């Protein structure tokens, strides 16, 4: 008796924001390759942006990269997010791209709608889903909304909301080095110490496979925060605004081409 083949979940690709779009668009080129190259059908979701031309701008960028069929899913409210036109377009797509802006617009407009369900379904069927800046923050189960800059984790130093839920193993923060966000990622992880944290620099992305392993691509770094061996956290007994004591945290810096095995907590360097 033959066993039914189980489809591998598609790649998820959080981009730290401000990705190079013109001179050396390596991250977007790699996304297009994973989606099928010139045969790709890409849906752009500009919901996070308050700018009217964001969707059209990415349609033009993907067209320049050789993609012939691109949908601008200009979803601006919850009625749109339950519209069968958009779910049909997502159903045809071999790649889904969420733009930057305000991640709370993504969660409050898409959360619980048929569009959100379709994105999860398509990813489970093997379709890559990428997001830049706010779009990257929205990818995991727990989304970092805001928080304090700086190196030190502090109680109350981060706000977390439900995300899209394409992974429950990883927490993501974006614009990471540029906005000095180590403290807020550590704070978020102190509440969820079973997760791995990825701080994604601008013009940098993590290409995460169906097993949760990932490689770095781009001109910046991925800061990987491994909480698997944490021996002590003071978060439960610390007053709001006070520093959190964390013992046993491991931090790695991954550059272009480096790979991280999340199951075994190992870095495999390109060099």
Protein backbone atom coordinates (compact mmCIF):
# COMPACT_ATOMS: atom_id res chain seq x y z
CA UNK A 1 0.00 0.00 0.00
CA UNK A 2 1.49 3.33 -1.07
CA UNK A 3 1.68 6.21 1.38
CA UNK A 4 0.33 9.60 0.36
CA UNK A 5 3.15 12.05 -0.29
CA UNK A 6 3.15 14.91 2.22
CA UNK A 7 3.85 18.32 0.69
CA UNK A 8 6.73 20.17 2.30
CA UNK A 9 5.87 23.61 3.62
CA UNK A 10 7.16 26.48 1.50
CA UNK A 11 10.07 28.69 2.50
CA UNK A 12 9.35 31.67 4.73
CA UNK A 13 11.59 34.65 4.12
CA UNK A 14 11.70 37.53 6.62
CA UNK A 15 13.60 40.53 5.21
CA UNK A 16 14.93 43.20 7.58
CA UNK A 17 13.66 46.12 5.50
CA UNK A 18 15.26 48.53 3.04
CA UNK A 19 16.29 45.68 0.78
CA UNK A 20 18.28 46.68 -2.29
CA UNK A 21 15.74 46.93 -5.12
CA UNK A 22 17.70 48.39 -8.03
CA UNK A 23 21.48 48.02 -8.14
CA UNK A 24 21.93 44.57 -6.57
CA UNK A 25 18.53 43.08 -5.67
CA UNK A 26 19.90 39.67 -4.59
CA UNK A 27 17.26 38.98 -1.96
CA UNK A 28 14.33 39.67 -4.27
CA UNK A 29 16.05 37.72 -7.06
CA UNK A 30 16.40 34.72 -4.75
CA UNK A 31 12.75 35.00 -3.74
CA UNK A 32 11.74 34.99 -7.43
CA UNK A 33 13.91 31.89 -8.05
CA UNK A 34 12.22 30.04 -5.17
CA UNK A 35 8.81 30.99 -6.59
CA UNK A 36 9.56 29.54 -10.04
CA UNK A 37 11.63 32.17 -11.82
CA UNK A 38 10.07 33.61 -14.99
CA UNK A 39 7.16 31.18 -14.60
CA UNK A 40 6.36 32.52 -11.12
CA UNK A 41 3.00 34.05 -10.23
CA UNK A 42 3.52 36.48 -7.36
CA UNK A 43 0.90 38.13 -5.15
CA UNK A 44 2.00 41.39 -3.51
CA UNK A 45 0.17 42.34 -0.29
CA UNK A 46 0.80 46.05 0.53
CA UNK A 47 -1.67 46.13 3.45
CA UNK A 48 0.93 47.35 5.98
CA UNK A 49 1.75 50.45 3.97
CA UNK A 50 -0.08 53.77 4.17
CA UNK A 51 1.34 54.77 0.77
CA UNK A 52 -0.97 54.19 -2.18
CA UNK A 53 1.80 53.30 -4.64
CA UNK A 54 3.62 50.65 -2.56
CA UNK A 55 1.91 47.69 -4.23
CA UNK A 56 2.42 49.09 -7.72
CA UNK A 57 6.10 49.77 -6.95
CA UNK A 58 6.74 46.13 -6.02
CA UNK A 59 4.75 44.93 -9.06
CA UNK A 60 7.16 46.93 -11.22
CA UNK A 61 10.21 45.61 -9.31
CA UNK A 62 9.14 41.98 -9.82
CA UNK A 63 8.36 42.70 -13.47
CA UNK A 64 11.92 44.00 -13.93
CA UNK A 65 13.14 40.74 -12.36
CA UNK A 66 11.42 38.79 -15.14
CA UNK A 67 8.13 37.80 -13.51
CA UNK A 68 5.31 37.98 -16.07
CA UNK A 69 2.27 37.59 -13.82
CA UNK A 70 2.02 39.68 -10.65
CA UNK A 71 -1.08 40.51 -8.62
CA UNK A 72 -1.36 43.65 -6.50
CA UNK A 73 -3.62 42.44 -3.66
CA UNK A 74 -4.48 45.95 -2.50
CA UNK A 75 -6.26 44.86 0.70
CA UNK A 76 -7.04 47.92 2.83
CA UNK A 77 -9.84 46.69 5.12
CA UNK A 78 -11.40 43.51 6.51
CA UNK A 79 -14.07 43.43 3.80
CA UNK A 80 -11.28 43.24 1.21
CA UNK A 81 -9.60 40.51 3.26
CA UNK A 82 -12.71 38.33 2.90
CA UNK A 83 -13.07 39.02 -0.84
CA UNK A 84 -12.98 35.91 -3.05
CA UNK A 85 -11.12 37.82 -5.78
CA UNK A 86 -8.05 38.09 -3.54
CA UNK A 87 -8.26 34.49 -2.32
CA UNK A 88 -8.52 33.29 -5.92
CA UNK A 89 -5.40 35.26 -6.86
CA UNK A 90 -3.54 33.85 -3.85
CA UNK A 91 -4.71 30.39 -4.88
CA UNK A 92 -3.05 30.85 -8.28
CA UNK A 93 0.18 32.28 -6.86
CA UNK A 94 3.52 30.50 -6.55
CA UNK A 95 4.88 33.23 -4.25
CA UNK A 96 3.43 35.72 -1.75
CA UNK A 97 5.18 38.97 -0.73
CA UNK A 98 4.10 41.27 2.13
CA UNK A 99 5.47 44.83 2.07
CA UNK A 100 6.63 47.03 4.93
CA UNK A 101 4.71 49.64 6.88
CA UNK A 102 2.82 49.08 10.15
CA UNK A 103 2.55 45.44 11.25
CA UNK A 104 -0.59 46.19 13.32
CA UNK A 105 -2.36 46.99 10.03
CA UNK A 106 -1.50 43.47 8.89
CA UNK A 107 -2.73 41.80 12.07
CA UNK A 108 -5.90 43.87 12.50
CA UNK A 109 -6.93 43.79 8.82
CA UNK A 110 -5.90 40.22 7.92
CA UNK A 111 -6.25 38.41 11.27
CA UNK A 112 -8.96 35.73 11.17
CA UNK A 113 -9.94 36.43 7.53
CA UNK A 114 -10.08 34.12 4.53
CA UNK A 115 -7.00 35.84 3.07
CA UNK A 116 -4.93 34.98 6.19
CA UNK A 117 -6.19 31.40 6.01
CA UNK A 118 -5.31 31.21 2.32
CA UNK A 119 -1.76 32.49 2.93
CA UNK A 120 -1.25 29.77 5.57
CA UNK A 121 -2.80 27.16 3.28
CA UNK A 122 -0.63 28.11 0.29
CA UNK A 123 2.51 28.09 2.43
CA UNK A 124 1.57 24.62 3.77
CA UNK A 125 1.24 23.53 0.12
CA UNK A 126 4.80 24.63 -0.67
CA UNK A 127 4.41 28.28 -1.72
CA UNK A 128 7.16 30.63 -0.44
CA UNK A 129 5.99 33.59 1.66
CA UNK A 130 8.27 36.61 2.11
CA UNK A 131 7.80 39.81 4.06
CA UNK A 132 9.94 42.89 4.45
CA UNK A 133 10.08 45.05 7.60
CA UNK A 134 6.50 44.96 8.99
CA UNK A 135 5.78 42.06 6.64
CA UNK A 136 8.66 40.14 8.25
CA UNK A 137 7.44 40.87 11.78
CA UNK A 138 3.98 39.48 10.89
CA UNK A 139 5.26 36.06 9.71
CA UNK A 140 5.60 34.15 13.04
CA UNK A 141 3.00 33.12 15.60
CA UNK A 142 4.12 35.89 17.99
CA UNK A 143 4.73 39.30 16.40
CA UNK A 144 6.88 42.02 17.93
CA UNK A 145 4.90 45.25 17.56
CA UNK A 146 7.10 47.78 19.36
CA UNK A 147 9.68 48.10 22.11
CA UNK A 148 12.62 49.91 23.61
CA UNK A 149 15.92 50.25 21.77
CA UNK A 150 19.12 49.29 23.53
CA UNK A 151 21.05 46.20 24.60
CA UNK A 152 19.44 45.43 27.96
CA UNK A 153 16.19 43.42 28.23
CA UNK A 154 13.63 45.08 30.50
CA UNK A 155 10.22 44.04 31.76
CA UNK A 156 7.62 45.83 29.66
CA UNK A 157 10.26 46.71 27.08
CA UNK A 158 8.38 45.02 24.25
CA UNK A 159 4.82 44.71 22.97
CA UNK A 160 3.80 41.40 21.41
CA UNK A 161 0.65 40.59 19.41
CA UNK A 162 -0.58 37.57 17.44
CA UNK A 163 1.07 37.19 14.04
CA UNK A 164 0.22 35.18 10.93
CA UNK A 165 1.52 31.95 12.45
CA UNK A 166 3.64 30.49 9.63
CA UNK A 167 6.12 29.34 12.31
CA UNK A 168 5.84 28.84 16.07
CA UNK A 169 9.55 28.08 16.55
CA UNK A 170 11.01 31.49 15.74
CA UNK A 171 10.57 35.13 16.76
CA UNK A 172 11.66 37.81 14.32
CA UNK A 173 12.79 41.41 14.73
CA UNK A 174 13.72 43.62 11.78
CA UNK A 175 15.88 46.73 11.10
CA UNK A 176 17.86 45.00 13.82
CA UNK A 177 21.37 46.48 14.02
CA UNK A 178 20.29 49.78 12.51
CA UNK A 179 17.75 50.39 15.31
CA UNK A 180 19.63 48.70 18.16
CA UNK A 181 16.93 46.13 18.95
CA UNK A 182 18.78 43.37 20.82
CA UNK A 183 17.21 44.31 24.17
CA UNK A 184 13.64 44.08 22.91
CA UNK A 185 14.25 40.74 21.18
CA UNK A 186 15.80 39.36 24.38
CA UNK A 187 12.80 40.66 26.33
CA UNK A 188 10.36 38.97 23.93
CA UNK A 189 12.31 35.71 24.13
CA UNK A 190 12.45 35.84 27.93
CA UNK A 191 8.66 35.30 27.85
CA UNK A 192 9.03 32.52 25.25
CA UNK A 193 12.39 30.83 26.00
CA UNK A 194 11.65 27.76 23.87
CA UNK A 195 11.89 29.88 20.69
CA UNK A 196 14.88 30.93 18.61
CA UNK A 197 15.18 34.65 17.92
CA UNK A 198 16.35 36.09 14.61
CA UNK A 199 17.31 39.76 14.41
CA UNK A 200 17.35 40.65 10.72
CA UNK A 201 19.41 43.59 9.51
CA UNK A 202 18.33 45.84 6.66
CA UNK A 203 19.05 44.46 3.15
CA UNK A 204 19.34 41.02 4.76
CA UNK A 205 17.01 38.03 4.93
CA UNK A 206 16.66 34.63 6.53
CA UNK A 207 15.56 31.88 4.15
CA UNK A 208 13.79 29.47 6.49
CA UNK A 209 12.99 25.95 5.32
CA UNK A 210 10.18 23.62 6.37
CA UNK A 211 12.26 22.26 9.27
CA UNK A 212 12.95 25.73 10.69
CA UNK A 213 16.59 25.75 9.57
CA UNK A 214 17.72 28.87 7.76
CA UNK A 215 20.46 30.56 5.76
CA UNK A 216 21.49 34.21 5.61
CA UNK A 217 21.46 36.28 2.45
CA UNK A 218 22.26 39.97 1.96
CA UNK A 219 24.71 42.69 2.90
CA UNK A 220 24.06 42.71 6.67
CA UNK A 221 23.81 40.09 9.40
CA UNK A 222 21.35 37.79 11.10
CA UNK A 223 21.68 37.90 14.89
CA UNK A 224 20.57 34.49 16.16
CA UNK A 225 19.53 34.28 19.82
CA UNK A 226 19.55 30.68 21.08
CA UNK A 227 17.51 30.27 24.28
CA UNK A 228 17.73 26.45 24.42
CA UNK A 229 20.28 26.38 27.26
CA UNK A 230 18.98 29.26 29.38
CA UNK A 231 19.69 28.43 33.04
CA UNK A 232 17.94 31.34 34.72
CA UNK A 233 15.53 34.17 33.96
CA UNK A 234 14.39 36.79 36.46
CA UNK A 235 11.46 37.99 34.35
CA UNK A 236 8.74 36.58 36.64
CA UNK A 237 10.03 38.49 39.67
CA UNK A 238 11.17 41.75 38.10
CA UNK A 239 9.27 45.04 38.31
CA UNK A 240 8.17 46.90 35.15
CA UNK A 241 11.00 48.92 33.64
CA UNK A 242 13.69 46.99 35.49
CA UNK A 243 16.42 44.95 33.77
CA UNK A 244 15.93 41.21 33.29
CA UNK A 245 18.70 38.79 34.29
CA UNK A 246 19.23 36.04 31.69
CA UNK A 247 21.93 33.38 32.18
CA UNK A 248 23.01 30.97 29.48
CA UNK A 249 21.85 32.80 26.35
CA UNK A 250 23.90 32.07 23.21
CA UNK A 251 24.15 34.67 20.45
CA UNK A 252 25.53 34.10 16.95
CA UNK A 253 26.10 36.48 14.05
CA UNK A 254 25.45 34.95 10.63
CA UNK A 255 26.66 36.57 7.42
CA UNK A 256 25.73 35.93 3.80
CA UNK A 257 25.74 32.18 3.07
CA UNK A 258 25.95 31.03 6.71
CA UNK A 259 23.43 28.39 7.82
CA UNK A 260 21.74 27.63 11.14
CA UNK A 261 20.46 24.20 12.21
CA UNK A 262 17.71 25.00 14.73
CA UNK A 263 17.21 21.42 15.91
CA UNK A 264 20.85 20.94 16.88
CA UNK A 265 21.58 24.66 17.52
CA UNK A 266 24.59 24.60 15.19
CA UNK A 267 26.05 27.29 12.92
CA UNK A 268 27.53 26.10 9.62
CA UNK A 269 29.71 28.87 8.21
CA UNK A 270 30.15 29.52 4.52
CA UNK A 271 33.84 30.34 4.93
